[in-house]
Amino acid sequence: MAKKKINYGKKDLLGPDEFDPKTAKERITIWLDEEILDIFRERAKAEGTKYQSLVNQALREAARKPSLVERIERLEKKLSNG
């Protein structure tokens, strides 16, 4: 997979053609359990990547999963049509 160019910084400081929300990153402070960080650090070391990238990927995957409410609504719709 080709690496995407990452634009660090605030979007209002970038030119109109420079900002791509798909590759933009924002620095935040977050508190994570040490056990979780250790897991991601070990995985990153084994895969030869950065642990922050793996955390970002895991969060992206979790955010794209349908919520429990959405899954129940889909199931109810499926059952009512069947």
PDB file of N, CA and C in Angstrom:
ATOM      1  N   MET A   1       0.847  -1.172   0.000  1.00  0.00           N
ATOM      2  CA  MET A   1       0.000   0.000   0.000  1.00  0.00           C
ATOM      3  C   MET A   1       0.893   1.234   0.000  1.00  0.00           C
ATOM      4  N   ALA A   2       0.605   2.167  -0.891  1.00  0.00           N
ATOM      5  CA  ALA A   2       1.389   3.392  -0.994  1.00  0.00           C
ATOM      6  C   ALA A   2       1.143   4.282   0.212  1.00  0.00           C
ATOM      7  N   LYS A   3       2.215   4.901   0.674  1.00  0.00           N
ATOM      8  CA  LYS A   3       2.077   5.793   1.817  1.00  0.00           C
ATOM      9  C   LYS A   3       1.443   7.104   1.363  1.00  0.00           C
ATOM     10  N   LYS A   4       0.522   7.595   2.191  1.00  0.00           N
ATOM     11  CA  LYS A   4      -0.114   8.871   1.907  1.00  0.00           C
ATOM     12  C   LYS A   4       0.698   9.979   2.544  1.00  0.00           C
ATOM     13  N   LYS A   5       0.723  11.132   1.881  1.00  0.00           N
ATOM     14  CA  LYS A   5       1.377  12.294   2.470  1.00  0.00           C
ATOM     15  C   LYS A   5       0.513  12.790   3.619  1.00  0.00           C
ATOM     16  N   ILE A   6       1.136  13.009   4.760  1.00  0.00           N
ATOM     17  CA  ILE A   6       0.407  13.464   5.936  1.00  0.00           C
ATOM     18  C   ILE A   6       0.657  14.947   6.119  1.00  0.00           C
ATOM     19  N   ASN A   7      -0.420  15.727   6.236  1.00  0.00           N
ATOM     20  CA  ASN A   7      -0.307  17.150   6.506  1.00  0.00           C
ATOM     21  C   ASN A   7      -0.518  17.379   7.983  1.00  0.00           C
ATOM     22  N   TYR A   8       0.528  17.811   8.657  1.00  0.00           N
ATOM     23  CA  TYR A   8       0.414  18.121  10.073  1.00  0.00           C
ATOM     24  C   TYR A   8       0.109  19.605  10.203  1.00  0.00           C
ATOM     25  N   GLY A   9      -0.691  19.950  11.164  1.00  0.00           N
ATOM     26  CA  GLY A   9      -0.962  21.347  11.429  1.00  0.00           C
ATOM     27  C   GLY A   9      -2.427  21.678  11.289  1.00  0.00           C
ATOM     28  N   LYS A  10      -2.732  22.905  11.530  1.00  0.00           N
ATOM     29  CA  LYS A  10      -4.109  23.367  11.496  1.00  0.00           C
ATOM     30  C   LYS A  10      -4.531  23.619  10.057  1.00  0.00           C
ATOM     31  N   LYS A  11      -5.745  23.210   9.726  1.00  0.00           N
ATOM     32  CA  LYS A  11      -6.198  23.313   8.346  1.00  0.00           C
ATOM     33  C   LYS A  11      -6.299  24.755   7.871  1.00  0.00           C
ATOM     34  N   ASP A  12      -6.517  25.710   8.802  1.00  0.00           N
ATOM     35  CA  ASP A  12      -6.627  27.095   8.372  1.00  0.00           C
ATOM     36  C   ASP A  12      -5.274  27.698   7.989  1.00  0.00           C
ATOM     37  N   LEU A  13      -4.181  27.015   8.293  1.00  0.00           N
ATOM     38  CA  LEU A  13      -2.855  27.495   7.926  1.00  0.00           C
ATOM     39  C   LEU A  13      -2.383  26.919   6.593  1.00  0.00           C
ATOM     40  N   LEU A  14      -3.126  25.960   6.061  1.00  0.00           N
ATOM     41  CA  LEU A  14      -2.758  25.322   4.801  1.00  0.00           C
ATOM     42  C   LEU A  14      -3.469  25.999   3.648  1.00  0.00           C
ATOM     43  N   GLY A  15      -2.878  25.921   2.484  1.00  0.00           N
ATOM     44  CA  GLY A  15      -3.508  26.472   1.292  1.00  0.00           C
ATOM     45  C   GLY A  15      -4.718  25.639   0.897  1.00  0.00           C
ATOM     46  N   PRO A  16      -5.590  26.178   0.040  1.00  0.00           N
ATOM     47  CA  PRO A  16      -6.822  25.479  -0.332  1.00  0.00           C
ATOM     48  C   PRO A  16      -6.585  24.129  -0.998  1.00  0.00           C
ATOM     49  N   ASP A  17      -5.486  23.989  -1.720  1.00  0.00           N
ATOM     50  CA  ASP A  17      -5.202  22.716  -2.399  1.00  0.00           C
ATOM     51  C   ASP A  17      -4.360  21.776  -1.541  1.00  0.00           C
ATOM     52  N   GLU A  18      -3.930  22.234  -0.379  1.00  0.00           N
ATOM     53  CA  GLU A  18      -3.064  21.429   0.471  1.00  0.00           C
ATOM     54  C   GLU A  18      -3.833  20.595   1.483  1.00  0.00           C
ATOM     55  N   PHE A  19      -5.040  20.998   1.835  1.00  0.00           N
ATOM     56  CA  PHE A  19      -5.776  20.295   2.879  1.00  0.00           C
ATOM     57  C   PHE A  19      -6.564  19.137   2.306  1.00  0.00           C
ATOM     58  N   ASP A  20      -6.275  17.953   2.790  1.00  0.00           N
ATOM     59  CA  ASP A  20      -7.028  16.751   2.431  1.00  0.00           C
ATOM     60  C   ASP A  20      -7.436  16.085   3.743  1.00  0.00           C
ATOM     61  N   PRO A  21      -8.729  16.112   4.082  1.00  0.00           N
ATOM     62  CA  PRO A  21      -9.150  15.555   5.366  1.00  0.00           C
ATOM     63  C   PRO A  21      -8.820  14.076   5.538  1.00  0.00           C
ATOM     64  N   LYS A  22      -8.593  13.373   4.453  1.00  0.00           N
ATOM     65  CA  LYS A  22      -8.264  11.949   4.549  1.00  0.00           C
ATOM     66  C   LYS A  22      -6.854  11.727   5.081  1.00  0.00           C
ATOM     67  N   THR A  23      -5.976  12.707   4.906  1.00  0.00           N
ATOM     68  CA  THR A  23      -4.593  12.543   5.348  1.00  0.00           C
ATOM     69  C   THR A  23      -4.197  13.531   6.439  1.00  0.00           C
ATOM     70  N   ALA A  24      -5.085  14.416   6.814  1.00  0.00           N
ATOM     71  CA  ALA A  24      -4.765  15.403   7.847  1.00  0.00           C
ATOM     72  C   ALA A  24      -4.718  14.738   9.213  1.00  0.00           C
ATOM     73  N   LYS A  25      -3.801  15.165  10.026  1.00  0.00           N
ATOM     74  CA  LYS A  25      -3.662  14.639  11.385  1.00  0.00           C
ATOM     75  C   LYS A  25      -3.762  15.802  12.354  1.00  0.00           C
ATOM     76  N   GLU A  26      -4.297  15.534  13.528  1.00  0.00           N
ATOM     77  CA  GLU A  26      -4.384  16.543  14.567  1.00  0.00           C
ATOM     78  C   GLU A  26      -3.750  15.987  15.830  1.00  0.00           C
ATOM     79  N   ARG A  27      -2.890  16.779  16.426  1.00  0.00           N
ATOM     80  CA  ARG A  27      -2.223  16.358  17.660  1.00  0.00           C
ATOM     81  C   ARG A  27      -3.209  16.521  18.819  1.00  0.00           C
ATOM     82  N   ILE A  28      -3.335  15.458  19.610  1.00  0.00           N
ATOM     83  CA  ILE A  28      -4.192  15.489  20.799  1.00  0.00           C
ATOM     84  C   ILE A  28      -3.443  14.858  21.969  1.00  0.00           C
ATOM     85  N   THR A  29      -3.992  15.021  23.132  1.00  0.00           N
ATOM     86  CA  THR A  29      -3.480  14.321  24.313  1.00  0.00           C
ATOM     87  C   THR A  29      -4.556  13.346  24.744  1.00  0.00           C
ATOM     88  N   ILE A  30      -4.160  12.106  24.944  1.00  0.00           N
ATOM     89  CA  ILE A  30      -5.113  11.074  25.334  1.00  0.00           C
ATOM     90  C   ILE A  30      -4.437  10.170  26.365  1.00  0.00           C
ATOM     91  N   TRP A  31      -5.187   9.744  27.333  1.00  0.00           N
ATOM     92  CA  TRP A  31      -4.667   8.845  28.348  1.00  0.00           C
ATOM     93  C   TRP A  31      -5.130   7.430  28.032  1.00  0.00           C
ATOM     94  N   LEU A  32      -4.169   6.521  27.836  1.00  0.00           N
ATOM     95  CA  LEU A  32      -4.466   5.128  27.538  1.00  0.00           C
ATOM     96  C   LEU A  32      -3.829   4.244  28.604  1.00  0.00           C
ATOM     97  N   ASP A  33      -4.437   3.098  28.836  1.00  0.00           N
ATOM     98  CA  ASP A  33      -3.873   2.141  29.781  1.00  0.00           C
ATOM     99  C   ASP A  33      -2.498   1.704  29.292  1.00  0.00           C
ATOM    100  N   GLU A  34      -1.575   1.536  30.223  1.00  0.00           N
ATOM    101  CA  GLU A  34      -0.225   1.117  29.871  1.00  0.00           C
ATOM    102  C   GLU A  34      -0.241  -0.236  29.159  1.00  0.00           C
ATOM    103  N   GLU A  35      -1.131  -1.113  29.584  1.00  0.00           N
ATOM    104  CA  GLU A  35      -1.253  -2.435  28.951  1.00  0.00           C
ATOM    105  C   GLU A  35      -1.609  -2.303  27.466  1.00  0.00           C
ATOM    106  N   ILE A  36      -2.524  -1.394  27.162  1.00  0.00           N
ATOM    107  CA  ILE A  36      -2.931  -1.176  25.768  1.00  0.00           C
ATOM    108  C   ILE A  36      -1.756  -0.641  24.952  1.00  0.00           C
ATOM    109  N   LEU A  37      -1.057   0.338  25.514  1.00  0.00           N
ATOM    110  CA  LEU A  37       0.104   0.887  24.805  1.00  0.00           C
ATOM    111  C   LEU A  37       1.162  -0.182  24.568  1.00  0.00           C
ATOM    112  N   ASP A  38       1.406  -1.016  25.558  1.00  0.00           N
ATOM    113  CA  ASP A  38       2.393  -2.086  25.403  1.00  0.00           C
ATOM    114  C   ASP A  38       2.012  -3.025  24.266  1.00  0.00           C
ATOM    115  N   ILE A  39       0.732  -3.352  24.179  1.00  0.00           N
ATOM    116  CA  ILE A  39       0.258  -4.234  23.101  1.00  0.00           C
ATOM    117  C   ILE A  39       0.526  -3.603  21.740  1.00  0.00           C
ATOM    118  N   PHE A  40       0.168  -2.331  21.604  1.00  0.00           N
ATOM    119  CA  PHE A  40       0.374  -1.654  20.316  1.00  0.00           C
ATOM    120  C   PHE A  40       1.853  -1.448  20.016  1.00  0.00           C
ATOM    121  N   ARG A  41       2.661  -1.165  21.034  1.00  0.00           N
ATOM    122  CA  ARG A  41       4.100  -0.989  20.817  1.00  0.00           C
ATOM    123  C   ARG A  41       4.750  -2.292  20.363  1.00  0.00           C
ATOM    124  N   GLU A  42       4.361  -3.403  20.992  1.00  0.00           N
ATOM    125  CA  GLU A  42       4.908  -4.702  20.595  1.00  0.00           C
ATOM    126  C   GLU A  42       4.494  -5.061  19.173  1.00  0.00           C
ATOM    127  N   ARG A  43       3.230  -4.828  18.858  1.00  0.00           N
ATOM    128  CA  ARG A  43       2.733  -5.122  17.510  1.00  0.00           C
ATOM    129  C   ARG A  43       3.451  -4.244  16.477  1.00  0.00           C
ATOM    130  N   ALA A  44       3.630  -2.976  16.815  1.00  0.00           N
ATOM    131  CA  ALA A  44       4.304  -2.053  15.894  1.00  0.00           C
ATOM    132  C   ALA A  44       5.746  -2.492  15.648  1.00  0.00           C
ATOM    133  N   LYS A  45       6.414  -2.906  16.704  1.00  0.00           N
ATOM    134  CA  LYS A  45       7.800  -3.365  16.570  1.00  0.00           C
ATOM    135  C   LYS A  45       7.867  -4.590  15.662  1.00  0.00           C
ATOM    136  N   ALA A  46       6.936  -5.520  15.855  1.00  0.00           N
ATOM    137  CA  ALA A  46       6.907  -6.737  15.034  1.00  0.00           C
ATOM    138  C   ALA A  46       6.595  -6.429  13.575  1.00  0.00           C
ATOM    139  N   GLU A  47       5.757  -5.420  13.342  1.00  0.00           N
ATOM    140  CA  GLU A  47       5.342  -5.070  11.977  1.00  0.00           C
ATOM    141  C   GLU A  47       6.228  -4.005  11.347  1.00  0.00           C
ATOM    142  N   GLY A  48       7.144  -3.437  12.125  1.00  0.00           N
ATOM    143  CA  GLY A  48       8.036  -2.413  11.589  1.00  0.00           C
ATOM    144  C   GLY A  48       7.319  -1.109  11.281  1.00  0.00           C
ATOM    145  N   THR A  49       6.385  -0.743  12.130  1.00  0.00           N
ATOM    146  CA  THR A  49       5.639   0.495  11.928  1.00  0.00           C
ATOM    147  C   THR A  49       5.580   1.255  13.240  1.00  0.00           C
ATOM    148  N   LYS A  50       4.846   2.353  13.259  1.00  0.00           N
ATOM    149  CA  LYS A  50       4.714   3.164  14.472  1.00  0.00           C
ATOM    150  C   LYS A  50       3.451   2.764  15.221  1.00  0.00           C
ATOM    151  N   TYR A  51       3.547   2.739  16.541  1.00  0.00           N
ATOM    152  CA  TYR A  51       2.383   2.321  17.326  1.00  0.00           C
ATOM    153  C   TYR A  51       1.228   3.310  17.194  1.00  0.00           C
ATOM    154  N   GLN A  52       1.535   4.590  16.995  1.00  0.00           N
ATOM    155  CA  GLN A  52       0.458   5.574  16.833  1.00  0.00           C
ATOM    156  C   GLN A  52      -0.378   5.266  15.593  1.00  0.00           C
ATOM    157  N   SER A  53       0.277   4.802  14.538  1.00  0.00           N
ATOM    158  CA  SER A  53      -0.445   4.438  13.310  1.00  0.00           C
ATOM    159  C   SER A  53      -1.379   3.259  13.557  1.00  0.00           C
ATOM    160  N   LEU A  54      -0.924   2.299  14.352  1.00  0.00           N
ATOM    161  CA  LEU A  54      -1.761   1.140  14.666  1.00  0.00           C
ATOM    162  C   LEU A  54      -2.946   1.537  15.539  1.00  0.00           C
ATOM    163  N   VAL A  55      -2.724   2.442  16.502  1.00  0.00           N
ATOM    164  CA  VAL A  55      -3.825   2.924  17.338  1.00  0.00           C
ATOM    165  C   VAL A  55      -4.837   3.651  16.459  1.00  0.00           C
ATOM    166  N   ASN A  56      -4.344   4.499  15.555  1.00  0.00           N
ATOM    167  CA  ASN A  56      -5.226   5.233  14.646  1.00  0.00           C
ATOM    168  C   ASN A  56      -6.048   4.270  13.785  1.00  0.00           C
ATOM    169  N   GLN A  57      -5.396   3.237  13.273  1.00  0.00           N
ATOM    170  CA  GLN A  57      -6.079   2.246  12.441  1.00  0.00           C
ATOM    171  C   GLN A  57      -7.160   1.516  13.245  1.00  0.00           C
ATOM    172  N   ALA A  58      -6.839   1.126  14.464  1.00  0.00           N
ATOM    173  CA  ALA A  58      -7.810   0.427  15.311  1.00  0.00           C
ATOM    174  C   ALA A  58      -9.006   1.320  15.629  1.00  0.00           C
ATOM    175  N   LEU A  59      -8.744   2.590  15.901  1.00  0.00           N
ATOM    176  CA  LEU A  59      -9.836   3.528  16.175  1.00  0.00           C
ATOM    177  C   LEU A  59     -10.699   3.743  14.931  1.00  0.00           C
ATOM    178  N   ARG A  60     -10.055   3.837  13.767  1.00  0.00           N
ATOM    179  CA  ARG A  60     -10.797   4.010  12.515  1.00  0.00           C
ATOM    180  C   ARG A  60     -11.724   2.817  12.278  1.00  0.00           C
ATOM    181  N   GLU A  61     -11.198   1.610  12.454  1.00  0.00           N
ATOM    182  CA  GLU A  61     -12.008   0.404  12.261  1.00  0.00           C
ATOM    183  C   GLU A  61     -13.163   0.345  13.248  1.00  0.00           C
ATOM    184  N   ALA A  62     -12.904   0.690  14.496  1.00  0.00           N
ATOM    185  CA  ALA A  62     -13.956   0.672  15.514  1.00  0.00           C
ATOM    186  C   ALA A  62     -15.022   1.726  15.215  1.00  0.00           C
ATOM    187  N   ALA A  63     -14.596   2.887  14.742  1.00  0.00           N
ATOM    188  CA  ALA A  63     -15.540   3.969  14.459  1.00  0.00           C
ATOM    189  C   ALA A  63     -16.432   3.640  13.264  1.00  0.00           C
ATOM    190  N   ARG A  64     -15.925   2.846  12.325  1.00  0.00           N
ATOM    191  CA  ARG A  64     -16.704   2.508  11.130  1.00  0.00           C
ATOM    192  C   ARG A  64     -17.686   1.365  11.370  1.00  0.00           C
ATOM    193  N   LYS A  65     -17.494   0.624  12.446  1.00  0.00           N
ATOM    194  CA  LYS A  65     -18.421  -0.469  12.743  1.00  0.00           C
ATOM    195  C   LYS A  65     -19.766   0.113  13.134  1.00  0.00           C
ATOM    196  N   PRO A  66     -20.835  -0.525  12.710  1.00  0.00           N
ATOM    197  CA  PRO A  66     -22.158  -0.033  13.111  1.00  0.00           C
ATOM    198  C   PRO A  66     -22.333  -0.149  14.628  1.00  0.00           C
ATOM    199  N   SER A  67     -23.024   0.810  15.194  1.00  0.00           N
ATOM    200  CA  SER A  67     -23.279   0.774  16.633  1.00  0.00           C
ATOM    201  C   SER A  67     -24.252  -0.353  16.955  1.00  0.00           C
ATOM    202  N   LEU A  68     -24.387  -0.664  18.218  1.00  0.00           N
ATOM    203  CA  LEU A  68     -25.324  -1.694  18.652  1.00  0.00           C
ATOM    204  C   LEU A  68     -26.742  -1.315  18.238  1.00  0.00           C
ATOM    205  N   VAL A  69     -27.101  -0.055  18.392  1.00  0.00           N
ATOM    206  CA  VAL A  69     -28.440   0.411  18.004  1.00  0.00           C
ATOM    207  C   VAL A  69     -28.657   0.204  16.505  1.00  0.00           C
ATOM    208  N   GLU A  70     -27.667   0.568  15.684  1.00  0.00           N
ATOM    209  CA  GLU A  70     -27.789   0.379  14.237  1.00  0.00           C
ATOM    210  C   GLU A  70     -27.926  -1.096  13.882  1.00  0.00           C
ATOM    211  N   ARG A  71     -27.170  -1.955  14.553  1.00  0.00           N
ATOM    212  CA  ARG A  71     -27.261  -3.389  14.276  1.00  0.00           C
ATOM    213  C   ARG A  71     -28.624  -3.941  14.655  1.00  0.00           C
ATOM    214  N   ILE A  72     -29.168  -3.510  15.782  1.00  0.00           N
ATOM    215  CA  ILE A  72     -30.497  -3.967  16.211  1.00  0.00           C
ATOM    216  C   ILE A  72     -31.559  -3.484  15.233  1.00  0.00           C
ATOM    217  N   GLU A  73     -31.453  -2.212  14.814  1.00  0.00           N
ATOM    218  CA  GLU A  73     -32.431  -1.675  13.853  1.00  0.00           C
ATOM    219  C   GLU A  73     -32.392  -2.455  12.540  1.00  0.00           C
ATOM    220  N   ARG A  74     -31.188  -2.788  12.068  1.00  0.00           N
ATOM    221  CA  ARG A  74     -31.061  -3.582  10.840  1.00  0.00           C
ATOM    222  C   ARG A  74     -31.690  -4.957  11.006  1.00  0.00           C
ATOM    223  N   LEU A  75     -31.434  -5.581  12.147  1.00  0.00           N
ATOM    224  CA  LEU A  75     -31.975  -6.900  12.424  1.00  0.00           C
ATOM    225  C   LEU A  75     -33.500  -6.847  12.500  1.00  0.00           C
ATOM    226  N   GLU A  76     -34.043  -5.844  13.184  1.00  0.00           N
ATOM    227  CA  GLU A  76     -35.484  -5.694  13.287  1.00  0.00           C
ATOM    228  C   GLU A  76     -36.112  -5.483  11.909  1.00  0.00           C
ATOM    229  N   LYS A  77     -35.463  -4.672  11.083  1.00  0.00           N
ATOM    230  CA  LYS A  77     -35.968  -4.421   9.723  1.00  0.00           C
ATOM    231  C   LYS A  77     -35.956  -5.715   8.898  1.00  0.00           C
ATOM    232  N   LYS A  78     -34.860  -6.458   9.037  1.00  0.00           N
ATOM    233  CA  LYS A  78     -34.716  -7.715   8.314  1.00  0.00           C
ATOM    234  C   LYS A  78     -35.804  -8.716   8.753  1.00  0.00           C
ATOM    235  N   LEU A  79     -36.053  -8.803  10.054  1.00  0.00           N
ATOM    236  CA  LEU A  79     -37.047  -9.724  10.578  1.00  0.00           C
ATOM    237  C   LEU A  79     -38.477  -9.327  10.189  1.00  0.00           C
ATOM    238  N   SER A  80     -38.725  -8.031  10.140  1.00  0.00           N
ATOM    239  CA  SER A  80     -40.070  -7.561   9.794  1.00  0.00           C
ATOM    240  C   SER A  80     -40.360  -7.725   8.314  1.00  0.00           C
ATOM    241  N   ASN A  81     -39.311  -7.729   7.475  1.00  0.00           N
ATOM    242  CA  ASN A  81     -39.501  -7.925   6.037  1.00  0.00           C
ATOM    243  C   ASN A  81     -39.510  -9.404   5.659  1.00  0.00           C
ATOM    244  N   GLY A  82     -39.066 -10.244   6.568  1.00  0.00           N
ATOM    245  CA  GLY A  82     -38.920 -11.665   6.251  1.00  0.00           C
ATOM    246  C   GLY A  82     -40.090 -12.404   6.663  1.00  0.00           C
TER     247      GLY A  82
END
